[in-house]
Protein backbone atom coordinates (compact mmCIF):
# COMPACT_ATOMS: atom_id res chain seq x y z
CA MET A 1 0.17 0.15 -0.24
CA ILE A 2 2.95 2.65 0.89
CA GLY A 3 6.04 0.74 1.17
CA LEU A 4 8.40 0.79 4.06
CA GLU A 5 10.41 4.11 2.19
CA ARG A 6 7.27 5.87 2.45
CA LEU A 7 6.39 5.28 6.15
CA ASN A 8 10.25 6.02 6.96
CA ALA A 9 9.70 9.49 5.43
CA ALA A 10 6.49 10.36 6.22
CA GLU A 11 5.52 13.33 8.20
CA ALA A 12 5.03 11.80 11.98
CA SER A 13 1.21 12.55 11.95
CA GLU A 14 0.72 10.81 8.93
CA ALA A 15 2.85 7.83 10.23
CA ARG A 16 1.31 7.83 13.26
CA GLU A 17 -2.38 7.83 11.63
CA LEU A 18 -1.29 4.88 9.15
CA LEU A 19 0.38 2.98 12.04
CA GLN A 20 -2.67 3.40 14.25
CA ARG A 21 -4.64 1.48 11.39
CA CYS A 22 -2.29 -1.74 11.93
CA CYS A 23 -2.85 -1.26 16.07
CA GLY A 24 -5.28 0.71 17.84
CA SER A 25 -2.67 1.36 20.71
CA SER A 26 -2.15 5.12 20.38
CA ARG A 27 0.96 4.97 22.47
CA TRP A 28 1.80 1.46 20.42
CA ALA A 29 1.51 4.24 17.41
CA GLU A 30 3.25 6.93 18.83
CA GLN A 31 6.24 4.75 19.80
CA MET A 32 6.69 2.97 16.48
CA THR A 33 6.50 6.22 14.92
CA ALA A 34 9.39 7.45 16.73
CA ALA A 35 11.28 4.39 16.42
CA ARG A 36 11.86 5.19 12.48
CA PRO A 37 13.31 4.57 10.13
CA PHE A 38 12.62 0.91 10.08
CA ALA A 39 15.89 -0.45 8.10
CA ASP A 40 13.77 -3.49 6.51
CA ARG A 41 10.44 -5.27 7.04
CA PRO A 42 11.87 -7.95 9.69
CA ALA A 43 13.35 -5.03 11.81
CA LEU A 44 9.79 -3.21 11.49
CA LEU A 45 7.88 -6.49 12.85
CA GLU A 46 10.30 -6.63 15.13
CA THR A 47 10.16 -3.28 16.49
CA ALA A 48 6.45 -3.67 16.65
CA THR A 49 6.36 -6.72 18.87
CA ARG A 50 8.94 -5.49 21.37
CA ILE A 51 6.96 -2.42 21.88
CA TRP A 52 3.79 -4.09 22.17
CA ASN A 53 4.89 -5.99 24.57
CA GLY A 54 6.11 -3.43 26.27
CA LEU A 55 2.68 -1.51 26.75
CA SER A 56 0.32 -1.68 29.69
CA PRO A 57 -3.04 -3.55 29.81
CA GLN A 58 -4.79 -0.66 29.52
CA ASP A 59 -2.82 0.14 25.99
CA TRP A 60 -3.73 -3.39 24.86
CA LEU A 61 -7.22 -2.53 25.80
CA GLU A 62 -7.39 0.44 23.61
CA ALA A 63 -5.84 -1.39 20.87
CA PHE A 64 -8.98 -4.07 21.50
CA SER A 65 -11.82 -1.79 21.51
CA HIS A 66 -10.72 -0.67 17.46
CA HIS A 67 -11.42 -4.17 16.72
CA PRO A 68 -15.06 -5.41 15.37
CA ARG A 69 -17.16 -8.37 17.17
CA ILE A 70 -16.54 -11.68 15.35
CA GLY A 71 -19.12 -11.98 12.87
CA ASP A 72 -20.49 -8.43 13.11
CA ARG A 73 -21.70 -7.73 9.89
CA LYS A 74 -21.54 -3.81 10.19
CA LEU A 75 -17.93 -3.74 11.54
CA GLU A 76 -19.24 -1.29 13.80
CA ASN A 77 -15.70 -0.65 15.74
CA ALA A 78 -13.47 -1.01 13.06
CA GLY A 79 -12.06 2.60 12.04
CA ALA A 80 -13.28 3.54 8.47
CA GLY A 81 -9.23 2.68 7.25
CA THR A 82 -9.40 -0.76 8.70
CA ARG A 83 -12.95 -1.41 7.83
CA ASP A 84 -11.71 -3.72 4.40
CA TRP A 85 -9.12 -4.83 6.43
CA ALA A 86 -11.97 -6.46 9.21
CA LYS A 87 -13.98 -7.14 6.41
CA ASN A 88 -11.25 -9.51 4.79
CA GLU A 89 -9.55 -11.08 8.25
CA GLN A 90 -13.20 -12.26 9.03
CA SER A 91 -14.22 -13.80 5.70
CA GLY A 92 -14.49 -17.18 6.93
CA MET A 93 -17.65 -15.67 8.67
CA ALA A 94 -19.05 -14.94 5.12
CA SER A 95 -20.68 -18.60 4.31
CA ALA A 96 -21.25 -19.29 8.18
CA GLN A 97 -24.47 -21.17 8.42
CA GLU A 98 -27.44 -19.05 10.73
CA GLN A 99 -26.84 -21.75 13.94
CA VAL A 100 -23.12 -20.94 14.02
CA ARG A 101 -23.49 -17.26 13.56
CA ALA A 102 -26.12 -17.39 16.33
CA ALA A 103 -23.85 -19.19 18.28
CA ILE A 104 -21.23 -16.72 17.99
CA ALA A 105 -23.25 -13.80 19.04
CA GLU A 106 -23.99 -15.87 22.06
CA GLY A 107 -20.54 -16.45 22.77
CA ASN A 108 -19.31 -12.99 21.86
CA ALA A 109 -22.21 -11.92 24.35
CA ALA A 110 -20.97 -14.30 27.02
CA TYR A 111 -17.18 -13.04 26.55
CA GLU A 112 -18.06 -9.70 26.88
CA ALA A 113 -19.70 -10.06 30.11
CA LYS A 114 -17.18 -12.41 31.60
CA PHE A 115 -13.81 -10.14 30.74
CA GLY A 116 -15.59 -6.91 29.72
CA ARG A 117 -14.25 -6.41 26.22
CA VAL A 118 -14.53 -7.73 23.04
CA TYR A 119 -13.40 -11.60 21.88
CA LEU A 120 -10.11 -11.06 20.25
CA VAL A 121 -8.83 -13.71 17.94
CA CYS A 122 -6.47 -13.28 14.88
CA ALA A 123 -9.41 -14.78 12.64
CA THR A 124 -7.28 -14.78 9.09
CA GLY A 125 -7.59 -18.10 7.24
CA LYS A 126 -9.89 -19.39 10.01
CA THR A 127 -13.33 -20.55 9.20
CA ALA A 128 -16.56 -19.41 11.21
CA GLU A 129 -16.52 -23.23 12.80
CA GLU A 130 -13.08 -22.76 13.88
CA LEU A 131 -13.74 -19.05 15.12
CA LEU A 132 -16.26 -20.67 17.23
CA SER A 133 -14.55 -23.13 18.98
CA ILE A 134 -12.20 -21.24 20.12
CA LEU A 135 -14.01 -18.71 21.52
CA GLN A 136 -15.84 -21.52 23.03
CA SER A 137 -12.73 -22.80 24.53
CA ARG A 138 -11.29 -19.40 25.78
CA LEU A 139 -14.57 -18.72 28.02
CA GLY A 140 -12.78 -21.09 30.36
CA ASN A 141 -9.92 -19.26 30.55
CA ASP A 142 -9.03 -16.55 33.75
CA ALA A 143 -8.66 -12.90 33.50
CA ALA A 144 -5.07 -13.07 33.45
CA ALA A 145 -4.73 -15.69 30.89
CA GLU A 146 -7.41 -14.48 28.36
CA LEU A 147 -5.27 -11.31 28.05
CA SER A 148 -2.14 -12.46 27.82
CA ILE A 149 -3.99 -14.52 24.74
CA ALA A 150 -5.79 -11.68 23.46
CA ALA A 151 -2.42 -9.73 23.23
CA ALA A 152 -0.92 -12.14 21.65
CA GLU A 153 -3.95 -12.21 19.26
CA GLN A 154 -3.20 -8.53 18.52
CA ASP A 155 0.64 -9.06 17.57
CA LYS A 156 -0.80 -11.39 15.27
CA ILE A 157 -3.28 -9.06 13.66
CA THR A 158 -0.68 -6.10 13.64
CA HIS A 159 2.05 -8.07 11.82
CA LEU A 160 -0.59 -8.83 9.22
CA ARG A 161 -1.69 -5.13 8.80
CA LEU A 162 1.57 -3.79 9.11
CA GLU A 163 2.43 -6.34 5.75
CA LYS A 164 -0.96 -5.18 4.41
CA LEU A 165 0.18 -1.42 4.64
CA LEU A 166 3.72 -1.75 3.07
CA SER A 167 2.27 -3.95 0.22
CA PRO A 168 2.27 -2.80 -3.36
């Protein structure tokens, strides 16, 4: 989409905005912007993970809040710049049977009631049935374990989105 050279050369405000499309944490985007220039894609991805892992749970929750629910046809929480990405990431939901959609909606509600945030999973390449199975298994986690899992899923999503951002 923009290439590494353009990201490295962009004004700070533009770079921050582009990076925040990849991860909704404002602190992550600020620290990534300050870490430029990146020598290459591997350096960018390593820096992204290092910064992400150094953030607070509040920063993680901010990032999570920018994601739509799995199965949300309107993609309400997705920002305008990430709506197409979220739709593509959740493409496994497009052919979901109605009973699977209903079970995911029910699971989303149970997850949000238990953990107070959206169920976050790297949905790319997963079928609706896989997403439902993962959701059901994660409902049994305690809050600390689930926060750690969700943070790891966000890191995967961020990497995929950074690759999309840099692709022609």
